[in-house]
Amino acid sequence: MIEALRVWSAVALVALGVFFTFIAAVGVIRLPDVYARAHTASQADTLGAGFTLAGVALALGWQHATAYTVLLLFFVFVTNPTAAHAIARSAAETGVEPLLADDGSGSTGDAEPVDADAEPRERDAGGEPQ
């Protein structure tokens, strides 16, 4: 009974992980600019990897590999959001503007792309974008 519960819990966690990873992949493909893509990559992908690795750790039971899986889970939780933040900050510092809708409805489908030949924004002495 307990073994069956552990197996089905592991399957449910892996299925949730695959779902969130799929949502993150669709978001990276479909979203319009680097800021929205970095957001979905850091949020949904981290959640998907977390659920999947938790399911793997639960399926392995008490082994050395479980400790490695938990360490990998911690590593993913730290590095995914940090990398997405670094990408978004780099885009902001080089002058990449977010794509915004002109009608104020909040949808980004009709936004025009940012001119790639435009000059980057001026930065103050602290190096932060204005």
N, C-alpha and C. Protein backbone atom coordinates (compact mmCIF):
# COMPACT_ATOMS: atom_id res chain seq x y z
N MET A 1 0.83 -1.21 0.00
CA MET A 1 0.00 0.00 0.00
C MET A 1 0.86 1.26 0.00
N ILE A 2 1.82 1.32 0.91
CA ILE A 2 2.69 2.49 0.99
C ILE A 2 3.55 2.60 -0.26
N GLU A 3 4.01 1.46 -0.77
CA GLU A 3 4.85 1.46 -1.98
C GLU A 3 4.06 1.97 -3.18
N ALA A 4 2.81 1.57 -3.30
CA ALA A 4 1.98 2.05 -4.40
C ALA A 4 1.73 3.55 -4.29
N LEU A 5 1.52 4.03 -3.08
CA LEU A 5 1.32 5.46 -2.87
C LEU A 5 2.58 6.25 -3.25
N ARG A 6 3.74 5.70 -2.92
CA ARG A 6 5.00 6.37 -3.26
C ARG A 6 5.21 6.40 -4.77
N VAL A 7 4.90 5.32 -5.45
CA VAL A 7 5.05 5.26 -6.91
C VAL A 7 4.10 6.24 -7.58
N TRP A 8 2.83 6.23 -7.17
CA TRP A 8 1.87 7.14 -7.80
C TRP A 8 2.17 8.60 -7.47
N SER A 9 2.70 8.88 -6.30
CA SER A 9 3.11 10.25 -5.98
C SER A 9 4.27 10.69 -6.86
N ALA A 10 5.21 9.78 -7.09
CA ALA A 10 6.34 10.10 -7.96
C ALA A 10 5.86 10.34 -9.39
N VAL A 11 4.94 9.53 -9.86
CA VAL A 11 4.40 9.71 -11.21
C VAL A 11 3.66 11.05 -11.32
N ALA A 12 2.89 11.40 -10.30
CA ALA A 12 2.16 12.68 -10.31
C ALA A 12 3.13 13.86 -10.32
N LEU A 13 4.20 13.78 -9.53
CA LEU A 13 5.18 14.87 -9.49
C LEU A 13 5.90 15.01 -10.83
N VAL A 14 6.28 13.90 -11.44
CA VAL A 14 6.94 13.96 -12.75
C VAL A 14 5.98 14.50 -13.80
N ALA A 15 4.71 14.10 -13.74
CA ALA A 15 3.72 14.61 -14.70
C ALA A 15 3.53 16.12 -14.53
N LEU A 16 3.47 16.61 -13.31
CA LEU A 16 3.40 18.06 -13.07
C LEU A 16 4.64 18.76 -13.61
N GLY A 17 5.79 18.15 -13.40
CA GLY A 17 7.04 18.73 -13.90
C GLY A 17 7.06 18.82 -15.41
N VAL A 18 6.60 17.77 -16.08
CA VAL A 18 6.54 17.78 -17.54
C VAL A 18 5.56 18.84 -18.02
N PHE A 19 4.42 18.98 -17.34
CA PHE A 19 3.43 19.99 -17.70
C PHE A 19 4.02 21.39 -17.61
N PHE A 20 4.65 21.73 -16.50
CA PHE A 20 5.20 23.07 -16.34
C PHE A 20 6.38 23.33 -17.28
N THR A 21 7.16 22.32 -17.56
CA THR A 21 8.25 22.47 -18.53
C THR A 21 7.70 22.71 -19.93
N PHE A 22 6.62 22.03 -20.28
CA PHE A 22 5.98 22.26 -21.57
C PHE A 22 5.42 23.68 -21.65
N ILE A 23 4.79 24.14 -20.58
CA ILE A 23 4.27 25.51 -20.55
C ILE A 23 5.40 26.52 -20.72
N ALA A 24 6.53 26.26 -20.08
CA ALA A 24 7.68 27.16 -20.22
C ALA A 24 8.21 27.16 -21.64
N ALA A 25 8.27 26.01 -22.27
CA ALA A 25 8.75 25.94 -23.65
C ALA A 25 7.82 26.70 -24.60
N VAL A 26 6.52 26.53 -24.42
CA VAL A 26 5.56 27.26 -25.25
C VAL A 26 5.68 28.75 -24.99
N GLY A 27 5.87 29.14 -23.75
CA GLY A 27 6.02 30.55 -23.42
C GLY A 27 7.26 31.17 -24.05
N VAL A 28 8.36 30.46 -24.05
CA VAL A 28 9.58 30.98 -24.66
C VAL A 28 9.40 31.14 -26.17
N ILE A 29 8.66 30.23 -26.78
CA ILE A 29 8.43 30.32 -28.23
C ILE A 29 7.44 31.42 -28.56
N ARG A 30 6.36 31.56 -27.78
CA ARG A 30 5.25 32.43 -28.14
C ARG A 30 5.35 33.87 -27.63
N LEU A 31 6.04 34.10 -26.54
CA LEU A 31 6.05 35.44 -25.97
C LEU A 31 6.91 36.39 -26.81
N PRO A 32 6.58 37.70 -26.81
CA PRO A 32 7.12 38.60 -27.81
C PRO A 32 8.51 39.18 -27.54
N ASP A 33 8.91 39.32 -26.30
CA ASP A 33 10.19 40.00 -26.06
C ASP A 33 11.02 39.26 -25.02
N VAL A 34 12.24 39.73 -24.85
CA VAL A 34 13.20 39.05 -23.98
C VAL A 34 12.77 39.07 -22.52
N TYR A 35 12.07 40.10 -22.10
CA TYR A 35 11.66 40.20 -20.71
C TYR A 35 10.58 39.17 -20.37
N ALA A 36 9.59 39.03 -21.23
CA ALA A 36 8.53 38.04 -21.01
C ALA A 36 9.10 36.62 -21.12
N ARG A 37 10.01 36.42 -22.05
CA ARG A 37 10.62 35.10 -22.20
C ARG A 37 11.48 34.74 -21.00
N ALA A 38 12.22 35.70 -20.49
CA ALA A 38 13.03 35.43 -19.30
C ALA A 38 12.15 35.13 -18.10
N HIS A 39 11.00 35.78 -18.02
CA HIS A 39 10.08 35.54 -16.91
C HIS A 39 9.54 34.11 -16.95
N THR A 40 9.06 33.70 -18.12
CA THR A 40 8.52 32.34 -18.20
C THR A 40 9.62 31.29 -18.05
N ALA A 41 10.81 31.59 -18.55
CA ALA A 41 11.89 30.62 -18.42
C ALA A 41 12.31 30.47 -16.96
N SER A 42 12.29 31.56 -16.21
CA SER A 42 12.73 31.45 -14.82
C SER A 42 11.64 30.88 -13.92
N GLN A 43 10.39 31.20 -14.18
CA GLN A 43 9.33 30.77 -13.29
C GLN A 43 8.85 29.34 -13.60
N ALA A 44 8.30 29.16 -14.78
CA ALA A 44 7.69 27.87 -15.10
C ALA A 44 8.72 26.77 -15.27
N ASP A 45 9.86 27.08 -15.85
CA ASP A 45 10.88 26.06 -16.06
C ASP A 45 11.48 25.60 -14.72
N THR A 46 11.69 26.52 -13.82
CA THR A 46 12.19 26.15 -12.49
C THR A 46 11.18 25.29 -11.75
N LEU A 47 9.91 25.65 -11.86
CA LEU A 47 8.87 24.85 -11.22
C LEU A 47 8.78 23.46 -11.85
N GLY A 48 8.88 23.40 -13.17
CA GLY A 48 8.85 22.10 -13.84
C GLY A 48 10.02 21.22 -13.46
N ALA A 49 11.22 21.80 -13.44
CA ALA A 49 12.39 21.03 -13.03
C ALA A 49 12.28 20.61 -11.56
N GLY A 50 11.74 21.47 -10.74
CA GLY A 50 11.58 21.15 -9.32
C GLY A 50 10.65 19.97 -9.10
N PHE A 51 9.48 20.00 -9.76
CA PHE A 51 8.55 18.88 -9.62
C PHE A 51 9.14 17.59 -10.17
N THR A 52 9.81 17.67 -11.31
CA THR A 52 10.39 16.46 -11.91
C THR A 52 11.47 15.87 -11.01
N LEU A 53 12.37 16.70 -10.52
CA LEU A 53 13.44 16.19 -9.66
C LEU A 53 12.90 15.69 -8.32
N ALA A 54 11.84 16.31 -7.82
CA ALA A 54 11.22 15.81 -6.58
C ALA A 54 10.60 14.44 -6.82
N GLY A 55 9.99 14.25 -7.99
CA GLY A 55 9.44 12.94 -8.32
C GLY A 55 10.52 11.88 -8.46
N VAL A 56 11.64 12.26 -9.07
CA VAL A 56 12.76 11.32 -9.20
C VAL A 56 13.32 10.97 -7.83
N ALA A 57 13.47 11.96 -6.97
CA ALA A 57 13.99 11.69 -5.62
C ALA A 57 13.04 10.77 -4.85
N LEU A 58 11.74 10.99 -5.01
CA LEU A 58 10.77 10.14 -4.33
C LEU A 58 10.80 8.72 -4.88
N ALA A 59 10.99 8.58 -6.18
CA ALA A 59 11.04 7.25 -6.79
C ALA A 59 12.30 6.49 -6.39
N LEU A 60 13.40 7.20 -6.18
CA LEU A 60 14.66 6.53 -5.83
C LEU A 60 14.67 6.01 -4.40
N GLY A 61 13.93 6.64 -3.52
CA GLY A 61 13.94 6.22 -2.12
C GLY A 61 15.18 6.74 -1.42
N TRP A 62 15.60 6.01 -0.36
CA TRP A 62 16.77 6.44 0.41
C TRP A 62 18.03 5.84 -0.17
N GLN A 63 18.67 6.58 -1.10
CA GLN A 63 19.91 6.15 -1.71
C GLN A 63 20.84 7.36 -1.81
N HIS A 64 22.07 7.08 -2.22
CA HIS A 64 23.01 8.18 -2.45
C HIS A 64 22.55 9.05 -3.61
N ALA A 65 21.94 8.42 -4.60
CA ALA A 65 21.46 9.17 -5.77
C ALA A 65 20.38 10.17 -5.38
N THR A 66 19.62 9.87 -4.34
CA THR A 66 18.59 10.80 -3.87
C THR A 66 19.23 12.08 -3.34
N ALA A 67 20.32 11.94 -2.64
CA ALA A 67 21.01 13.14 -2.13
C ALA A 67 21.53 13.99 -3.29
N TYR A 68 22.03 13.33 -4.33
CA TYR A 68 22.50 14.07 -5.50
C TYR A 68 21.34 14.76 -6.21
N THR A 69 20.20 14.12 -6.25
CA THR A 69 19.03 14.71 -6.88
C THR A 69 18.56 15.94 -6.11
N VAL A 70 18.58 15.87 -4.80
CA VAL A 70 18.19 17.02 -3.98
C VAL A 70 19.20 18.16 -4.15
N LEU A 71 20.48 17.84 -4.24
CA LEU A 71 21.48 18.88 -4.50
C LEU A 71 21.29 19.52 -5.87
N LEU A 72 20.96 18.71 -6.86
CA LEU A 72 20.68 19.22 -8.19
C LEU A 72 19.45 20.12 -8.17
N LEU A 73 18.44 19.73 -7.42
CA LEU A 73 17.23 20.54 -7.26
C LEU A 73 17.57 21.91 -6.66
N PHE A 74 18.40 21.92 -5.63
CA PHE A 74 18.83 23.19 -5.03
C PHE A 74 19.60 24.03 -6.05
N PHE A 75 20.48 23.40 -6.81
CA PHE A 75 21.26 24.10 -7.82
C PHE A 75 20.36 24.74 -8.88
N VAL A 76 19.36 24.01 -9.33
CA VAL A 76 18.42 24.53 -10.33
C VAL A 76 17.62 25.69 -9.75
N PHE A 77 17.18 25.58 -8.50
CA PHE A 77 16.41 26.65 -7.88
C PHE A 77 17.22 27.94 -7.72
N VAL A 78 18.52 27.81 -7.60
CA VAL A 78 19.37 29.00 -7.46
C VAL A 78 19.76 29.56 -8.82
N THR A 79 20.14 28.71 -9.76
CA THR A 79 20.72 29.20 -11.01
C THR A 79 19.70 29.64 -12.05
N ASN A 80 18.54 29.00 -12.16
CA ASN A 80 17.56 29.40 -13.18
C ASN A 80 17.08 30.84 -13.00
N PRO A 81 16.59 31.24 -11.84
CA PRO A 81 16.17 32.64 -11.69
C PRO A 81 17.34 33.62 -11.79
N THR A 82 18.51 33.22 -11.33
CA THR A 82 19.67 34.10 -11.41
C THR A 82 20.07 34.33 -12.86
N ALA A 83 20.07 33.30 -13.67
CA ALA A 83 20.41 33.45 -15.09
C ALA A 83 19.37 34.29 -15.82
N ALA A 84 18.09 34.09 -15.52
CA ALA A 84 17.04 34.89 -16.17
C ALA A 84 17.16 36.36 -15.76
N HIS A 85 17.49 36.61 -14.51
CA HIS A 85 17.69 37.99 -14.06
C HIS A 85 18.88 38.62 -14.78
N ALA A 86 19.96 37.87 -14.93
CA ALA A 86 21.14 38.40 -15.62
C ALA A 86 20.83 38.72 -17.08
N ILE A 87 20.05 37.87 -17.74
CA ILE A 87 19.68 38.12 -19.13
C ILE A 87 18.80 39.36 -19.24
N ALA A 88 17.81 39.48 -18.36
CA ALA A 88 16.92 40.64 -18.40
C ALA A 88 17.67 41.93 -18.05
N ARG A 89 18.56 41.87 -17.10
CA ARG A 89 19.33 43.06 -16.74
C ARG A 89 20.27 43.46 -17.88
N SER A 90 20.88 42.50 -18.53
CA SER A 90 21.74 42.79 -19.67
C SER A 90 20.95 43.44 -20.79
N ALA A 91 19.74 42.92 -21.04
CA ALA A 91 18.90 43.52 -22.07
C ALA A 91 18.52 44.94 -21.71
N ALA A 92 18.22 45.19 -20.44
CA ALA A 92 17.86 46.55 -20.01
C ALA A 92 19.05 47.49 -20.13
N GLU A 93 20.24 47.02 -19.79
CA GLU A 93 21.42 47.90 -19.84
C GLU A 93 21.86 48.19 -21.27
N THR A 94 21.53 47.32 -22.22
CA THR A 94 21.90 47.58 -23.60
C THR A 94 20.81 48.35 -24.35
N GLY A 95 19.71 48.66 -23.67
CA GLY A 95 18.69 49.51 -24.27
C GLY A 95 17.55 48.78 -24.93
N VAL A 96 17.38 47.51 -24.69
CA VAL A 96 16.26 46.78 -25.27
C VAL A 96 14.99 47.20 -24.54
N GLU A 97 14.03 47.73 -25.31
CA GLU A 97 12.77 48.18 -24.73
C GLU A 97 11.76 47.04 -24.76
N PRO A 98 10.92 46.93 -23.74
CA PRO A 98 9.87 45.91 -23.78
C PRO A 98 8.83 46.26 -24.83
N LEU A 99 8.24 45.25 -25.44
CA LEU A 99 7.17 45.47 -26.41
C LEU A 99 5.87 45.68 -25.65
N LEU A 100 5.20 46.80 -25.93
CA LEU A 100 3.96 47.14 -25.25
C LEU A 100 2.86 47.34 -26.28
N ALA A 101 1.63 47.05 -25.90
CA ALA A 101 0.50 47.26 -26.80
C ALA A 101 0.19 48.75 -26.88
N ASP A 102 -0.22 49.20 -28.07
CA ASP A 102 -0.54 50.61 -28.27
C ASP A 102 -1.94 50.96 -27.78
N ASP A 103 -2.85 49.99 -27.74
CA ASP A 103 -4.23 50.29 -27.39
C ASP A 103 -4.49 50.28 -25.89
N GLY A 104 -3.51 49.91 -25.09
CA GLY A 104 -3.66 49.91 -23.64
C GLY A 104 -4.43 48.72 -23.10
N SER A 105 -4.72 47.74 -23.94
CA SER A 105 -5.51 46.59 -23.49
C SER A 105 -4.68 45.56 -22.74
N GLY A 106 -3.36 45.68 -22.84
CA GLY A 106 -2.49 44.74 -22.15
C GLY A 106 -2.01 43.60 -23.01
N SER A 107 -2.60 43.44 -24.21
CA SER A 107 -2.12 42.36 -25.09
C SER A 107 -0.90 42.85 -25.85
N THR A 108 0.01 41.94 -26.10
CA THR A 108 1.25 42.32 -26.79
C THR A 108 1.28 41.81 -28.22
N GLY A 109 0.16 41.35 -28.74
CA GLY A 109 0.15 40.76 -30.06
C GLY A 109 0.38 41.76 -31.19
N ASP A 110 -0.08 43.01 -31.04
CA ASP A 110 0.02 43.99 -32.11
C ASP A 110 1.16 44.98 -31.92
N ALA A 111 2.04 44.74 -30.98
CA ALA A 111 3.12 45.68 -30.71
C ALA A 111 4.16 45.64 -31.83
N GLU A 112 4.74 46.79 -32.10
CA GLU A 112 5.77 46.86 -33.13
C GLU A 112 7.12 46.53 -32.53
N PRO A 113 8.00 45.89 -33.30
CA PRO A 113 9.32 45.54 -32.76
C PRO A 113 10.17 46.79 -32.53
N VAL A 114 11.11 46.67 -31.62
CA VAL A 114 12.02 47.77 -31.30
C VAL A 114 13.06 47.87 -32.41
N ASP A 115 13.41 49.09 -32.79
CA ASP A 115 14.39 49.32 -33.85
C ASP A 115 15.76 48.85 -33.38
N ALA A 116 16.36 47.92 -34.10
CA ALA A 116 17.66 47.36 -33.71
C ALA A 116 18.79 48.35 -33.91
N ASP A 117 18.59 49.35 -34.80
CA ASP A 117 19.65 50.33 -35.07
C ASP A 117 19.58 51.54 -34.15
N ALA A 118 18.63 51.56 -33.23
CA ALA A 118 18.48 52.70 -32.33
C ALA A 118 19.65 52.74 -31.35
N GLU A 119 19.97 53.93 -30.92
CA GLU A 119 21.05 54.12 -29.94
C GLU A 119 20.61 53.59 -28.58
N PRO A 120 21.53 52.98 -27.83
CA PRO A 120 21.18 52.54 -26.47
C PRO A 120 20.88 53.74 -25.59
N ARG A 121 20.10 53.49 -24.55
CA ARG A 121 19.76 54.56 -23.62
C ARG A 121 20.99 55.00 -22.84
N GLU A 122 20.97 56.26 -22.44
CA GLU A 122 22.06 56.81 -21.62
C GLU A 122 22.02 56.18 -20.24
N ARG A 123 23.20 55.99 -19.65
CA ARG A 123 23.28 55.46 -18.30
C ARG A 123 23.91 56.52 -17.40
N ASP A 124 23.48 56.51 -16.14
CA ASP A 124 24.08 57.44 -15.18
C ASP A 124 25.42 56.89 -14.70
N ALA A 125 26.05 57.58 -13.77
CA ALA A 125 27.37 57.20 -13.31
C ALA A 125 27.38 55.85 -12.60
N GLY A 126 26.22 55.43 -12.05
CA GLY A 126 26.16 54.17 -11.32
C GLY A 126 26.06 52.96 -12.23
N GLY A 127 25.85 53.16 -13.52
CA GLY A 127 25.77 52.05 -14.44
C GLY A 127 24.37 51.46 -14.55
N GLU A 128 23.39 52.01 -13.83
CA GLU A 128 22.04 51.51 -13.90
C GLU A 128 21.29 52.19 -15.05
N PRO A 129 20.40 51.47 -15.73
CA PRO A 129 19.62 52.10 -16.79
C PRO A 129 18.64 53.12 -16.22
N GLN A 130 18.36 54.14 -16.99
CA GLN A 130 17.43 55.18 -16.52
C GLN A 130 16.03 54.83 -16.86
